């Protein structure tokens, strides 16, 4: 008799696990955007009346979601640690790191507002590899989180992780997204000769489609991958 009762309870639990409502709750818990919601906002929702919370959720879930399937341009490879910076280093002055420096960095240094020189904490960055042809807007636009790093962080990355770059001029480029004075651009680092690198600045709106076959790398602040 006890065995039958246990079997019945197990069956009920199995039905609950297959319940679409339970599946939705589990997906919400898994994908809850903790990194995008402030602690104050979360606390405010916790303090609101249950009836208001229920009504708000009912409104949000009353219609099926409408979304476009986004083409996948990148494959995640791994994460790396990036040391803290004081924000003072500029690419124009990094002659000990780069064999060739695009002259436009000198002008950028002259034009930079003091607000662009900001210290950054130790953090993780993610390394992605191209898997589909796309423009910079296509590729960097496929991320949901922050994509930008500073000049000082790029210099630090190249110093700390030289082994992540090719060792000959036949190796392909690595890209970083940057912004300064409300302008967006892409910084390209590539081997110029054995153990030496060149660094270049490219327009974020560059219309060229980067060929995935070259397996270029794209470096961004750590993303909360789903």
N, C-alpha and C. Protein backbone atom coordinates (compact mmCIF):
# COMPACT_ATOMS: atom_id res chain seq x y z
N UNK A 1 0.84 -1.20 0.00
CA UNK A 1 0.00 0.00 0.00
C UNK A 1 0.88 1.25 0.00
N UNK A 2 1.94 1.25 0.83
CA UNK A 2 2.85 2.38 0.93
C UNK A 2 3.56 2.61 -0.40
N UNK A 3 3.93 1.52 -1.11
CA UNK A 3 4.63 1.63 -2.39
C UNK A 3 3.77 2.33 -3.42
N UNK A 4 2.45 1.99 -3.41
CA UNK A 4 1.52 2.61 -4.37
C UNK A 4 1.39 4.10 -4.08
N UNK A 5 1.32 4.44 -2.78
CA UNK A 5 1.18 5.84 -2.41
C UNK A 5 2.41 6.63 -2.83
N UNK A 6 3.60 6.04 -2.61
CA UNK A 6 4.85 6.70 -3.01
C UNK A 6 4.89 6.90 -4.50
N UNK A 7 4.46 5.87 -5.26
CA UNK A 7 4.44 5.95 -6.71
C UNK A 7 3.52 7.04 -7.19
N UNK A 8 2.38 7.22 -6.51
CA UNK A 8 1.42 8.26 -6.88
C UNK A 8 2.00 9.65 -6.66
N UNK A 9 2.71 9.82 -5.52
CA UNK A 9 3.34 11.12 -5.23
C UNK A 9 4.41 11.43 -6.26
N UNK A 10 5.21 10.40 -6.63
CA UNK A 10 6.26 10.60 -7.63
C UNK A 10 5.67 11.01 -8.97
N UNK A 11 4.53 10.39 -9.32
CA UNK A 11 3.85 10.73 -10.57
C UNK A 11 3.37 12.17 -10.55
N UNK A 12 2.81 12.59 -9.39
CA UNK A 12 2.34 13.97 -9.27
C UNK A 12 3.49 14.96 -9.43
N UNK A 13 4.64 14.65 -8.81
CA UNK A 13 5.81 15.51 -8.92
C UNK A 13 6.29 15.58 -10.35
N UNK A 14 6.24 14.46 -11.05
CA UNK A 14 6.66 14.43 -12.45
C UNK A 14 5.76 15.32 -13.29
N UNK A 15 4.46 15.30 -13.02
CA UNK A 15 3.52 16.15 -13.75
C UNK A 15 3.82 17.62 -13.49
N UNK A 16 4.16 17.96 -12.26
CA UNK A 16 4.48 19.35 -11.92
C UNK A 16 5.71 19.81 -12.70
N UNK A 17 6.72 18.96 -12.81
CA UNK A 17 7.94 19.31 -13.52
C UNK A 17 7.69 19.55 -15.00
N UNK A 18 6.65 18.89 -15.55
CA UNK A 18 6.34 19.06 -16.96
C UNK A 18 5.37 20.22 -17.18
N UNK A 19 4.87 20.81 -16.10
CA UNK A 19 3.90 21.89 -16.19
C UNK A 19 4.54 23.12 -16.84
N UNK A 20 3.92 23.70 -17.91
CA UNK A 20 4.49 24.88 -18.58
C UNK A 20 4.68 26.07 -17.65
N UNK A 21 3.80 26.22 -16.66
CA UNK A 21 3.95 27.33 -15.72
C UNK A 21 5.24 27.18 -14.92
N UNK A 22 5.49 25.96 -14.47
CA UNK A 22 6.70 25.70 -13.70
C UNK A 22 7.93 25.94 -14.57
N UNK A 23 7.86 25.53 -15.83
CA UNK A 23 8.98 25.73 -16.75
C UNK A 23 9.26 27.22 -16.95
N UNK A 24 8.19 28.02 -17.08
CA UNK A 24 8.36 29.46 -17.26
C UNK A 24 9.01 30.08 -16.02
N UNK A 25 8.55 29.67 -14.83
CA UNK A 25 9.12 30.19 -13.59
C UNK A 25 10.61 29.85 -13.51
N UNK A 26 10.96 28.63 -13.89
CA UNK A 26 12.36 28.21 -13.87
C UNK A 26 13.19 29.04 -14.85
N UNK A 27 12.64 29.33 -16.03
CA UNK A 27 13.37 30.12 -17.02
C UNK A 27 13.55 31.56 -16.55
N UNK A 28 12.55 32.10 -15.87
CA UNK A 28 12.66 33.46 -15.34
C UNK A 28 13.76 33.51 -14.28
N UNK A 29 13.80 32.49 -13.42
CA UNK A 29 14.84 32.44 -12.38
C UNK A 29 16.23 32.34 -13.01
N UNK A 30 16.36 31.52 -14.04
CA UNK A 30 17.65 31.31 -14.70
C UNK A 30 18.13 32.57 -15.42
N UNK A 31 17.18 33.28 -16.06
CA UNK A 31 17.55 34.42 -16.91
C UNK A 31 17.27 35.77 -16.27
N UNK A 32 17.01 35.78 -14.96
CA UNK A 32 16.72 37.04 -14.30
C UNK A 32 17.93 37.98 -14.45
N UNK A 33 17.73 39.19 -14.99
CA UNK A 33 18.86 40.09 -15.31
C UNK A 33 19.41 40.83 -14.09
N UNK A 34 19.99 40.10 -13.15
CA UNK A 34 20.48 40.70 -11.91
C UNK A 34 21.45 41.84 -12.16
N UNK A 35 22.30 41.67 -13.20
CA UNK A 35 23.32 42.67 -13.45
C UNK A 35 22.77 43.96 -14.05
N UNK A 36 21.50 43.95 -14.47
CA UNK A 36 20.90 45.11 -15.13
C UNK A 36 19.90 45.85 -14.24
N UNK A 37 19.59 45.29 -13.07
CA UNK A 37 18.59 45.90 -12.18
C UNK A 37 19.25 46.29 -10.87
N UNK A 38 19.06 47.52 -10.47
CA UNK A 38 19.70 48.00 -9.24
C UNK A 38 19.08 47.33 -8.01
N UNK A 39 19.84 47.31 -6.93
CA UNK A 39 19.36 46.73 -5.67
C UNK A 39 18.15 47.51 -5.16
N UNK A 40 18.15 48.82 -5.40
CA UNK A 40 17.03 49.67 -4.94
C UNK A 40 15.74 49.30 -5.67
N UNK A 41 15.85 49.05 -6.98
CA UNK A 41 14.67 48.68 -7.76
C UNK A 41 14.12 47.33 -7.31
N UNK A 42 15.03 46.38 -7.09
CA UNK A 42 14.60 45.06 -6.63
C UNK A 42 13.91 45.18 -5.28
N UNK A 43 14.47 46.00 -4.39
CA UNK A 43 13.87 46.19 -3.07
C UNK A 43 12.49 46.81 -3.18
N UNK A 44 12.33 47.77 -4.10
CA UNK A 44 11.03 48.42 -4.30
C UNK A 44 9.97 47.41 -4.76
N UNK A 45 10.36 46.51 -5.65
CA UNK A 45 9.41 45.47 -6.08
C UNK A 45 9.09 44.52 -4.93
N UNK A 46 10.06 44.22 -4.11
CA UNK A 46 9.82 43.34 -2.96
C UNK A 46 8.86 43.96 -1.95
N UNK A 47 8.87 45.29 -1.88
CA UNK A 47 8.04 45.98 -0.89
C UNK A 47 6.65 46.33 -1.40
N UNK A 48 6.41 46.18 -2.70
CA UNK A 48 5.09 46.54 -3.23
C UNK A 48 4.05 45.47 -2.85
N UNK A 49 2.76 45.83 -2.76
CA UNK A 49 1.72 44.86 -2.39
C UNK A 49 1.67 43.68 -3.37
N UNK A 50 1.33 42.51 -2.82
CA UNK A 50 1.25 41.32 -3.67
C UNK A 50 0.26 41.47 -4.80
N UNK A 51 -0.86 42.14 -4.54
CA UNK A 51 -1.89 42.31 -5.57
C UNK A 51 -1.35 43.14 -6.74
N UNK A 52 -0.57 44.18 -6.40
CA UNK A 52 0.01 45.03 -7.44
C UNK A 52 1.02 44.25 -8.27
N UNK A 53 1.85 43.44 -7.59
CA UNK A 53 2.84 42.63 -8.28
C UNK A 53 2.15 41.64 -9.22
N UNK A 54 1.09 41.00 -8.71
CA UNK A 54 0.35 40.03 -9.53
C UNK A 54 -0.26 40.69 -10.76
N UNK A 55 -0.83 41.90 -10.57
CA UNK A 55 -1.44 42.62 -11.68
C UNK A 55 -0.38 43.02 -12.72
N UNK A 56 0.78 43.46 -12.24
CA UNK A 56 1.86 43.87 -13.14
C UNK A 56 2.36 42.69 -13.96
N UNK A 57 2.53 41.54 -13.30
CA UNK A 57 2.98 40.34 -14.00
C UNK A 57 1.93 39.86 -15.01
N UNK A 58 0.66 39.97 -14.62
CA UNK A 58 -0.43 39.56 -15.52
C UNK A 58 -0.43 40.41 -16.78
N UNK A 59 -0.18 41.72 -16.60
CA UNK A 59 -0.13 42.62 -17.76
C UNK A 59 1.04 42.26 -18.67
N UNK A 60 2.19 42.00 -18.07
CA UNK A 60 3.39 41.70 -18.86
C UNK A 60 3.24 40.39 -19.62
N UNK A 61 2.64 39.37 -18.99
CA UNK A 61 2.56 38.04 -19.60
C UNK A 61 1.23 37.79 -20.32
N UNK A 62 0.41 38.83 -20.48
CA UNK A 62 -0.90 38.62 -21.10
C UNK A 62 -0.83 38.35 -22.60
N UNK A 63 0.27 38.77 -23.23
CA UNK A 63 0.44 38.56 -24.66
C UNK A 63 1.70 37.74 -24.93
N UNK A 64 1.70 36.93 -26.01
CA UNK A 64 2.91 36.17 -26.35
C UNK A 64 4.05 37.13 -26.68
N UNK A 65 5.28 36.75 -26.42
CA UNK A 65 6.42 37.62 -26.73
C UNK A 65 6.62 37.76 -28.24
N UNK A 66 7.09 38.92 -28.65
CA UNK A 66 7.40 39.15 -30.06
C UNK A 66 8.90 39.45 -30.13
N UNK A 67 9.64 38.59 -30.82
CA UNK A 67 11.07 38.81 -30.92
C UNK A 67 11.56 38.25 -32.25
N UNK A 68 12.68 38.81 -32.70
CA UNK A 68 13.30 38.34 -33.94
C UNK A 68 14.50 37.48 -33.59
N UNK A 69 14.60 36.35 -34.24
CA UNK A 69 15.75 35.51 -34.02
C UNK A 69 16.98 36.20 -34.58
N UNK A 70 17.99 36.40 -33.74
CA UNK A 70 19.18 37.14 -34.14
C UNK A 70 20.23 36.19 -34.68
N UNK A 71 20.82 36.59 -35.80
CA UNK A 71 21.86 35.77 -36.39
C UNK A 71 23.06 35.72 -35.45
N UNK A 72 23.66 34.57 -35.35
CA UNK A 72 24.82 34.41 -34.48
C UNK A 72 26.09 34.70 -35.28
N UNK A 73 26.81 35.74 -34.86
CA UNK A 73 28.03 36.14 -35.55
C UNK A 73 29.29 35.65 -34.85
N UNK A 74 29.18 35.30 -33.56
CA UNK A 74 30.36 34.98 -32.78
C UNK A 74 30.18 33.69 -31.99
N UNK A 75 31.30 33.05 -31.72
CA UNK A 75 31.34 31.88 -30.85
C UNK A 75 32.17 32.23 -29.62
N UNK A 76 31.62 31.97 -28.44
CA UNK A 76 32.36 32.25 -27.21
C UNK A 76 33.49 31.24 -27.07
N UNK A 77 34.71 31.75 -26.75
CA UNK A 77 35.86 30.87 -26.55
C UNK A 77 36.18 30.69 -25.07
N UNK A 78 36.49 31.81 -24.38
CA UNK A 78 36.86 31.72 -22.97
C UNK A 78 36.90 33.13 -22.38
N UNK A 79 37.05 33.20 -21.05
CA UNK A 79 37.18 34.47 -20.34
C UNK A 79 38.60 34.61 -19.82
N UNK A 80 39.04 35.87 -19.70
CA UNK A 80 40.37 36.16 -19.17
C UNK A 80 40.27 37.28 -18.14
N UNK A 81 41.22 37.30 -17.20
CA UNK A 81 41.28 38.39 -16.23
C UNK A 81 41.99 39.59 -16.85
N UNK A 82 41.49 40.78 -16.55
CA UNK A 82 42.11 42.02 -17.00
C UNK A 82 42.46 42.84 -15.76
N UNK A 83 43.71 43.22 -15.65
CA UNK A 83 44.18 43.96 -14.47
C UNK A 83 43.52 45.33 -14.38
N UNK A 84 43.50 45.89 -13.19
CA UNK A 84 42.97 47.24 -13.00
C UNK A 84 43.89 48.25 -13.68
N UNK A 85 43.35 49.41 -14.03
CA UNK A 85 44.15 50.48 -14.62
C UNK A 85 43.83 51.79 -13.91
N UNK A 86 44.77 52.74 -13.99
CA UNK A 86 44.48 54.06 -13.42
C UNK A 86 43.90 54.99 -14.48
N UNK A 87 43.76 54.47 -15.71
CA UNK A 87 43.12 55.23 -16.78
C UNK A 87 43.99 56.24 -17.48
N UNK A 88 45.24 56.38 -17.07
CA UNK A 88 46.08 57.44 -17.63
C UNK A 88 46.80 57.05 -18.92
N UNK A 89 46.97 55.76 -19.16
CA UNK A 89 47.72 55.31 -20.34
C UNK A 89 46.94 55.57 -21.62
N UNK A 90 47.64 56.04 -22.63
CA UNK A 90 47.01 56.28 -23.94
C UNK A 90 47.77 55.49 -25.00
N UNK A 91 47.05 55.09 -26.03
CA UNK A 91 47.66 54.32 -27.11
C UNK A 91 48.73 55.13 -27.82
N UNK A 92 48.50 56.43 -27.97
CA UNK A 92 49.47 57.29 -28.66
C UNK A 92 50.85 57.24 -28.02
N UNK A 93 50.88 57.00 -26.70
CA UNK A 93 52.16 56.97 -25.98
C UNK A 93 52.70 55.56 -25.74
N UNK A 94 51.97 54.54 -26.19
CA UNK A 94 52.34 53.16 -25.86
C UNK A 94 53.35 52.59 -26.85
N UNK A 95 54.45 53.31 -27.04
CA UNK A 95 55.46 52.88 -28.03
C UNK A 95 56.24 51.66 -27.53
N UNK A 96 56.15 51.37 -26.24
CA UNK A 96 56.82 50.18 -25.71
C UNK A 96 55.98 48.93 -25.91
N UNK A 97 54.73 49.12 -26.34
CA UNK A 97 53.81 47.98 -26.52
C UNK A 97 53.56 47.70 -28.00
N UNK A 98 53.46 48.76 -28.80
CA UNK A 98 53.10 48.61 -30.21
C UNK A 98 54.22 49.08 -31.13
N UNK A 99 54.52 48.27 -32.13
CA UNK A 99 55.54 48.62 -33.11
C UNK A 99 55.05 49.72 -34.03
N UNK A 100 53.78 49.64 -34.41
CA UNK A 100 53.19 50.68 -35.26
C UNK A 100 51.91 51.18 -34.61
N UNK A 101 51.77 52.51 -34.51
CA UNK A 101 50.59 53.13 -33.92
C UNK A 101 49.95 54.04 -34.95
N UNK A 102 48.70 53.80 -35.25
CA UNK A 102 47.95 54.63 -36.19
C UNK A 102 48.07 56.10 -35.75
N UNK A 103 48.49 57.00 -36.66
CA UNK A 103 48.64 58.42 -36.31
C UNK A 103 47.38 59.07 -35.74
N UNK A 104 46.22 58.50 -36.05
CA UNK A 104 44.97 59.12 -35.57
C UNK A 104 44.88 59.09 -34.04
N UNK A 105 45.65 58.21 -33.38
CA UNK A 105 45.59 58.15 -31.92
C UNK A 105 46.22 59.39 -31.28
N UNK A 106 47.15 60.01 -31.98
CA UNK A 106 47.74 61.25 -31.46
C UNK A 106 46.70 62.35 -31.43
N UNK A 107 45.90 62.43 -32.50
CA UNK A 107 44.83 63.43 -32.54
C UNK A 107 43.76 63.11 -31.50
N UNK A 108 43.46 61.82 -31.34
CA UNK A 108 42.46 61.42 -30.35
C UNK A 108 42.91 61.82 -28.95
N UNK A 109 44.20 61.65 -28.67
CA UNK A 109 44.74 62.04 -27.37
C UNK A 109 44.57 63.54 -27.13
N UNK A 110 44.80 64.32 -28.17
CA UNK A 110 44.69 65.78 -28.05
C UNK A 110 43.24 66.22 -27.86
N UNK A 111 42.33 65.47 -28.46
CA UNK A 111 40.91 65.85 -28.42
C UNK A 111 40.18 65.31 -27.19
N UNK A 112 40.80 64.34 -26.49
CA UNK A 112 40.10 63.68 -25.40
C UNK A 112 39.75 64.65 -24.28
N UNK A 113 38.54 64.51 -23.80
CA UNK A 113 38.13 65.26 -22.62
C UNK A 113 38.65 64.54 -21.38
N UNK A 114 38.88 65.27 -20.32
CA UNK A 114 39.44 64.70 -19.09
C UNK A 114 38.56 63.58 -18.54
N UNK A 115 37.25 63.63 -18.84
CA UNK A 115 36.31 62.62 -18.33
C UNK A 115 36.58 61.24 -18.92
N UNK A 116 37.30 61.18 -20.05
CA UNK A 116 37.59 59.90 -20.68
C UNK A 116 38.71 59.14 -19.96
N UNK A 117 39.49 59.86 -19.14
CA UNK A 117 40.57 59.21 -18.41
C UNK A 117 40.03 58.74 -17.06
N UNK A 118 39.56 57.51 -17.02
CA UNK A 118 38.96 57.01 -15.79
C UNK A 118 39.61 55.69 -15.39
N UNK A 119 39.82 55.54 -14.11
CA UNK A 119 40.38 54.29 -13.60
C UNK A 119 39.37 53.16 -13.78
N UNK A 120 39.87 51.96 -13.99
CA UNK A 120 38.98 50.80 -14.16
C UNK A 120 39.43 49.69 -13.22
N UNK A 121 38.49 48.96 -12.63
CA UNK A 121 38.85 47.89 -11.69
C UNK A 121 39.28 46.62 -12.41
N UNK A 122 39.84 45.70 -11.65
CA UNK A 122 40.14 44.38 -12.20
C UNK A 122 38.82 43.76 -12.63
N UNK A 123 38.81 43.12 -13.78
CA UNK A 123 37.57 42.57 -14.31
C UNK A 123 37.88 41.40 -15.24
N UNK A 124 36.82 40.75 -15.67
CA UNK A 124 36.95 39.69 -16.65
C UNK A 124 36.53 40.21 -18.01
N UNK A 125 37.18 39.73 -19.05
CA UNK A 125 36.77 40.01 -20.42
C UNK A 125 36.54 38.68 -21.12
N UNK A 126 35.67 38.70 -22.10
CA UNK A 126 35.36 37.49 -22.86
C UNK A 126 35.99 37.57 -24.25
N UNK A 127 36.47 36.43 -24.71
CA UNK A 127 37.07 36.33 -26.04
C UNK A 127 36.10 35.55 -26.93
N UNK A 128 35.70 36.19 -28.02
CA UNK A 128 34.81 35.56 -28.99
C UNK A 128 35.51 35.43 -30.33
N UNK A 129 35.09 34.45 -31.10
CA UNK A 129 35.65 34.22 -32.44
C UNK A 129 34.55 34.34 -33.47
N UNK A 130 34.84 35.00 -34.59
CA UNK A 130 33.82 35.19 -35.63
C UNK A 130 33.41 33.86 -36.24
N UNK A 131 32.11 33.71 -36.46
CA UNK A 131 31.59 32.48 -37.08
C UNK A 131 30.62 32.77 -38.22
N UNK A 132 30.38 34.07 -38.50
CA UNK A 132 29.53 34.48 -39.62
C UNK A 132 29.99 35.85 -40.09
N UNK A 133 29.91 36.09 -41.40
CA UNK A 133 30.32 37.38 -41.93
C UNK A 133 29.43 38.49 -41.37
N UNK A 134 30.02 39.64 -41.05
CA UNK A 134 29.22 40.74 -40.54
C UNK A 134 30.01 42.02 -40.40
N UNK A 135 29.30 43.14 -40.35
CA UNK A 135 29.93 44.43 -40.10
C UNK A 135 30.17 44.59 -38.60
N UNK A 136 30.85 45.64 -38.21
CA UNK A 136 31.06 45.89 -36.79
C UNK A 136 29.71 46.07 -36.07
N UNK A 137 28.79 46.77 -36.73
CA UNK A 137 27.47 46.98 -36.11
C UNK A 137 26.75 45.66 -35.94
N UNK A 138 26.84 44.77 -36.94
CA UNK A 138 26.24 43.44 -36.82
C UNK A 138 26.84 42.68 -35.64
N UNK A 139 28.16 42.66 -35.59
CA UNK A 139 28.86 41.82 -34.62
C UNK A 139 28.75 42.36 -33.20
N UNK A 140 29.16 43.61 -33.00
CA UNK A 140 29.09 44.18 -31.65
C UNK A 140 27.65 44.41 -31.22
N UNK A 141 26.76 44.61 -32.20
CA UNK A 141 25.34 44.80 -31.88
C UNK A 141 24.66 43.54 -31.40
N UNK A 142 25.32 42.39 -31.55
CA UNK A 142 24.71 41.13 -31.12
C UNK A 142 24.84 40.91 -29.62
N UNK A 143 25.64 41.77 -28.95
CA UNK A 143 25.79 41.65 -27.50
C UNK A 143 24.67 42.40 -26.78
N UNK A 144 24.29 41.90 -25.62
CA UNK A 144 23.26 42.55 -24.80
C UNK A 144 23.86 43.43 -23.71
N UNK A 145 25.08 43.13 -23.31
CA UNK A 145 25.71 43.89 -22.24
C UNK A 145 26.66 44.96 -22.76
N UNK A 146 27.45 45.52 -21.85
CA UNK A 146 28.43 46.53 -22.22
C UNK A 146 29.49 45.95 -23.14
N UNK A 147 29.86 46.68 -24.18
CA UNK A 147 30.86 46.18 -25.13
C UNK A 147 32.15 47.01 -25.11
N UNK A 148 32.16 48.12 -24.39
CA UNK A 148 33.26 49.08 -24.52
C UNK A 148 34.37 48.88 -23.48
N UNK A 149 35.60 49.08 -23.96
CA UNK A 149 36.75 49.10 -23.08
C UNK A 149 37.52 50.40 -23.34
N UNK A 150 38.42 50.76 -22.45
CA UNK A 150 39.19 51.99 -22.59
C UNK A 150 40.53 51.72 -23.27
N UNK A 151 41.20 52.79 -23.69
CA UNK A 151 42.53 52.65 -24.27
C UNK A 151 43.47 51.98 -23.27
N UNK A 152 43.41 52.42 -22.02
CA UNK A 152 44.28 51.85 -20.99
C UNK A 152 44.04 50.36 -20.82
N UNK A 153 42.79 49.93 -20.92
CA UNK A 153 42.48 48.51 -20.77
C UNK A 153 43.01 47.70 -21.96
N UNK A 154 42.96 48.29 -23.16
CA UNK A 154 43.50 47.58 -24.33
C UNK A 154 45.00 47.41 -24.19
N UNK A 155 45.68 48.46 -23.76
CA UNK A 155 47.13 48.37 -23.55
C UNK A 155 47.44 47.29 -22.52
N UNK A 156 46.69 47.28 -21.43
CA UNK A 156 46.89 46.29 -20.38
C UNK A 156 46.62 44.88 -20.89
N UNK A 157 45.58 44.73 -21.70
CA UNK A 157 45.25 43.40 -22.25
C UNK A 157 46.40 42.88 -23.10
N UNK A 158 46.94 43.74 -23.96
CA UNK A 158 48.03 43.30 -24.84
C UNK A 158 49.26 42.94 -24.01
N UNK A 159 49.54 43.71 -22.96
CA UNK A 159 50.68 43.40 -22.09
C UNK A 159 50.48 42.09 -21.34
N UNK A 160 49.29 41.90 -20.79
CA UNK A 160 49.01 40.74 -19.94
C UNK A 160 48.80 39.45 -20.73
N UNK A 161 48.33 39.59 -21.96
CA UNK A 161 47.91 38.39 -22.70
C UNK A 161 48.50 38.36 -24.11
N UNK A 162 49.79 38.58 -24.20
CA UNK A 162 50.45 38.55 -25.50
C UNK A 162 50.30 37.20 -26.17
N UNK A 163 50.15 36.15 -25.35
CA UNK A 163 50.02 34.81 -25.90
C UNK A 163 48.70 34.60 -26.62
N UNK A 164 47.75 35.54 -26.47
CA UNK A 164 46.46 35.41 -27.15
C UNK A 164 46.51 35.94 -28.58
N UNK A 165 47.62 36.53 -28.95
CA UNK A 165 47.77 37.06 -30.31
C UNK A 165 48.68 36.15 -31.11
N UNK A 166 48.56 36.24 -32.42
CA UNK A 166 49.43 35.45 -33.29
C UNK A 166 50.87 35.90 -33.15
N UNK A 167 51.77 35.08 -33.61
CA UNK A 167 53.20 35.41 -33.48
C UNK A 167 53.81 35.85 -34.80
N UNK A 168 53.03 35.91 -35.87
CA UNK A 168 53.57 36.36 -37.15
C UNK A 168 52.60 37.31 -37.82
N UNK A 169 53.09 38.05 -38.81
CA UNK A 169 52.25 39.02 -39.49
C UNK A 169 51.14 38.36 -40.30
N UNK A 170 51.19 37.05 -40.47
CA UNK A 170 50.14 36.35 -41.19
C UNK A 170 48.93 36.06 -40.30
N UNK A 171 49.07 36.29 -38.99
CA UNK A 171 47.96 36.07 -38.08
C UNK A 171 46.94 37.20 -38.23
N UNK A 172 45.72 36.94 -37.78
CA UNK A 172 44.64 37.88 -38.04
C UNK A 172 44.35 38.79 -36.85
N UNK A 173 43.48 39.77 -37.10
CA UNK A 173 43.27 40.87 -36.17
C UNK A 173 42.38 40.50 -34.99
N UNK A 174 42.56 41.29 -33.91
CA UNK A 174 41.70 41.23 -32.73
C UNK A 174 41.06 42.60 -32.57
N UNK A 175 39.75 42.63 -32.27
CA UNK A 175 39.02 43.90 -32.24
C UNK A 175 38.46 44.21 -30.85
N UNK A 176 38.46 45.51 -30.53
CA UNK A 176 37.89 46.03 -29.29
C UNK A 176 36.98 47.21 -29.64
N UNK A 177 35.86 47.35 -28.97
CA UNK A 177 34.98 48.51 -29.16
C UNK A 177 35.32 49.58 -28.13
N UNK A 178 35.39 50.84 -28.59
CA UNK A 178 35.73 51.96 -27.71
C UNK A 178 34.79 53.13 -27.97
N UNK A 179 34.74 54.03 -27.02
CA UNK A 179 34.03 55.29 -27.23
C UNK A 179 34.77 56.40 -26.51
N UNK A 180 34.75 57.58 -27.13
CA UNK A 180 35.40 58.75 -26.54
C UNK A 180 34.73 59.99 -27.09
N UNK A 181 34.47 60.94 -26.21
CA UNK A 181 33.79 62.18 -26.62
C UNK A 181 32.50 61.88 -27.39
N UNK A 182 31.77 60.87 -26.90
CA UNK A 182 30.48 60.46 -27.50
C UNK A 182 30.64 59.89 -28.90
N UNK A 183 31.85 59.51 -29.27
CA UNK A 183 32.09 58.90 -30.58
C UNK A 183 32.43 57.42 -30.39
N UNK A 184 31.86 56.58 -31.24
CA UNK A 184 32.11 55.15 -31.17
C UNK A 184 33.09 54.74 -32.28
N UNK A 185 34.02 53.86 -31.94
CA UNK A 185 34.96 53.37 -32.94
C UNK A 185 35.48 52.00 -32.51
N UNK A 186 36.20 51.35 -33.41
CA UNK A 186 36.73 50.02 -33.13
C UNK A 186 38.25 50.09 -33.22
N UNK A 187 38.92 49.46 -32.29
CA UNK A 187 40.37 49.42 -32.28
C UNK A 187 40.83 48.01 -32.66
N UNK A 188 41.72 47.97 -33.62
CA UNK A 188 42.22 46.71 -34.16
C UNK A 188 43.67 46.51 -33.77
N UNK A 189 43.99 45.37 -33.19
CA UNK A 189 45.37 45.00 -32.87
C UNK A 189 45.74 43.79 -33.71
N UNK A 190 46.90 43.88 -34.37
CA UNK A 190 47.32 42.74 -35.18
C UNK A 190 48.85 42.63 -35.19
N UNK A 191 49.37 41.42 -35.36
CA UNK A 191 50.82 41.24 -35.42
C UNK A 191 51.39 41.93 -36.66
N UNK A 192 52.49 42.66 -36.49
CA UNK A 192 53.17 43.31 -37.61
C UNK A 192 54.41 42.50 -38.00
N UNK A 193 55.01 41.91 -37.01
CA UNK A 193 56.17 41.05 -37.22
C UNK A 193 56.23 40.13 -36.00
N UNK A 194 57.19 39.25 -35.96
CA UNK A 194 57.26 38.29 -34.86
C UNK A 194 57.37 39.02 -33.52
N UNK A 195 56.33 38.84 -32.68
CA UNK A 195 56.33 39.42 -31.34
C UNK A 195 56.01 40.89 -31.27
N UNK A 196 55.71 41.52 -32.40
CA UNK A 196 55.39 42.95 -32.42
C UNK A 196 54.01 43.20 -32.99
N UNK A 197 53.36 44.27 -32.49
CA UNK A 197 51.98 44.52 -32.88
C UNK A 197 51.79 45.92 -33.46
N UNK A 198 50.80 46.02 -34.32
CA UNK A 198 50.34 47.31 -34.80
C UNK A 198 48.94 47.54 -34.26
N UNK A 199 48.58 48.80 -34.10
CA UNK A 199 47.24 49.11 -33.57
C UNK A 199 46.62 50.20 -34.43
N UNK A 200 45.35 50.01 -34.76
CA UNK A 200 44.67 50.88 -35.72
C UNK A 200 43.27 51.23 -35.21
N UNK A 201 42.78 52.37 -35.67
CA UNK A 201 41.44 52.82 -35.31
C UNK A 201 40.56 52.76 -36.54
N UNK A 202 39.37 52.15 -36.40
CA UNK A 202 38.44 51.99 -37.51
C UNK A 202 37.07 52.54 -37.13
N UNK A 203 36.30 53.05 -38.09
CA UNK A 203 34.96 53.58 -37.78
C UNK A 203 34.02 52.46 -37.33
N UNK A 204 33.23 52.73 -36.31
CA UNK A 204 32.26 51.74 -35.84
C UNK A 204 31.24 51.43 -36.95
N UNK A 205 30.96 52.45 -37.78
CA UNK A 205 29.96 52.28 -38.85
C UNK A 205 30.59 51.79 -40.15
N UNK A 206 31.79 51.27 -40.06
CA UNK A 206 32.47 50.71 -41.24
C UNK A 206 31.53 49.70 -41.91
N UNK A 207 31.32 49.84 -43.22
CA UNK A 207 30.35 48.97 -43.92
C UNK A 207 30.95 47.65 -44.39
N UNK A 208 32.26 47.50 -44.22
CA UNK A 208 32.91 46.28 -44.66
C UNK A 208 32.40 45.08 -43.86
N UNK A 209 32.15 43.98 -44.54
CA UNK A 209 31.74 42.75 -43.86
C UNK A 209 32.98 41.90 -43.61
N UNK A 210 33.25 41.68 -42.34
CA UNK A 210 34.44 40.93 -41.96
C UNK A 210 34.19 39.43 -42.16
N UNK A 211 35.07 38.81 -42.94
CA UNK A 211 34.88 37.41 -43.33
C UNK A 211 35.16 36.48 -42.15
N UNK A 212 34.20 35.62 -41.85
CA UNK A 212 34.31 34.74 -40.69
C UNK A 212 35.40 33.70 -40.84
N UNK A 213 35.78 33.41 -42.07
CA UNK A 213 36.78 32.37 -42.31
C UNK A 213 38.13 32.66 -41.70
N UNK A 214 38.41 33.95 -41.43
CA UNK A 214 39.70 34.31 -40.85
C UNK A 214 39.73 34.14 -39.32
N UNK A 215 38.57 33.80 -38.73
CA UNK A 215 38.51 33.51 -37.29
C UNK A 215 39.06 34.65 -36.44
N UNK A 216 38.66 35.87 -36.75
CA UNK A 216 39.12 37.01 -35.97
C UNK A 216 38.51 36.96 -34.57
N UNK A 217 39.20 37.60 -33.63
CA UNK A 217 38.74 37.61 -32.24
C UNK A 217 38.17 38.98 -31.87
N UNK A 218 37.15 38.96 -31.03
CA UNK A 218 36.49 40.16 -30.53
C UNK A 218 36.50 40.09 -29.00
N UNK A 219 37.01 41.14 -28.35
CA UNK A 219 37.17 41.16 -26.90
C UNK A 219 36.19 42.15 -26.31
N UNK A 220 35.38 41.72 -25.35
CA UNK A 220 34.40 42.59 -24.69
C UNK A 220 34.39 42.30 -23.20
N UNK A 221 33.93 43.27 -22.40
CA UNK A 221 33.74 43.00 -20.96
C UNK A 221 32.85 41.77 -20.78
N UNK A 222 33.06 41.06 -19.69
CA UNK A 222 32.34 39.81 -19.44
C UNK A 222 30.84 39.95 -19.67
N UNK A 223 30.30 39.04 -20.47
CA UNK A 223 28.87 39.02 -20.76
C UNK A 223 28.21 37.93 -19.95
N UNK A 224 26.96 38.19 -19.53
CA UNK A 224 26.20 37.17 -18.82
C UNK A 224 25.48 36.34 -19.86
N UNK A 225 26.13 35.26 -20.30
CA UNK A 225 25.63 34.46 -21.41
C UNK A 225 24.43 33.63 -20.99
N UNK A 226 23.45 33.54 -21.91
CA UNK A 226 22.25 32.75 -21.66
C UNK A 226 22.32 31.47 -22.47
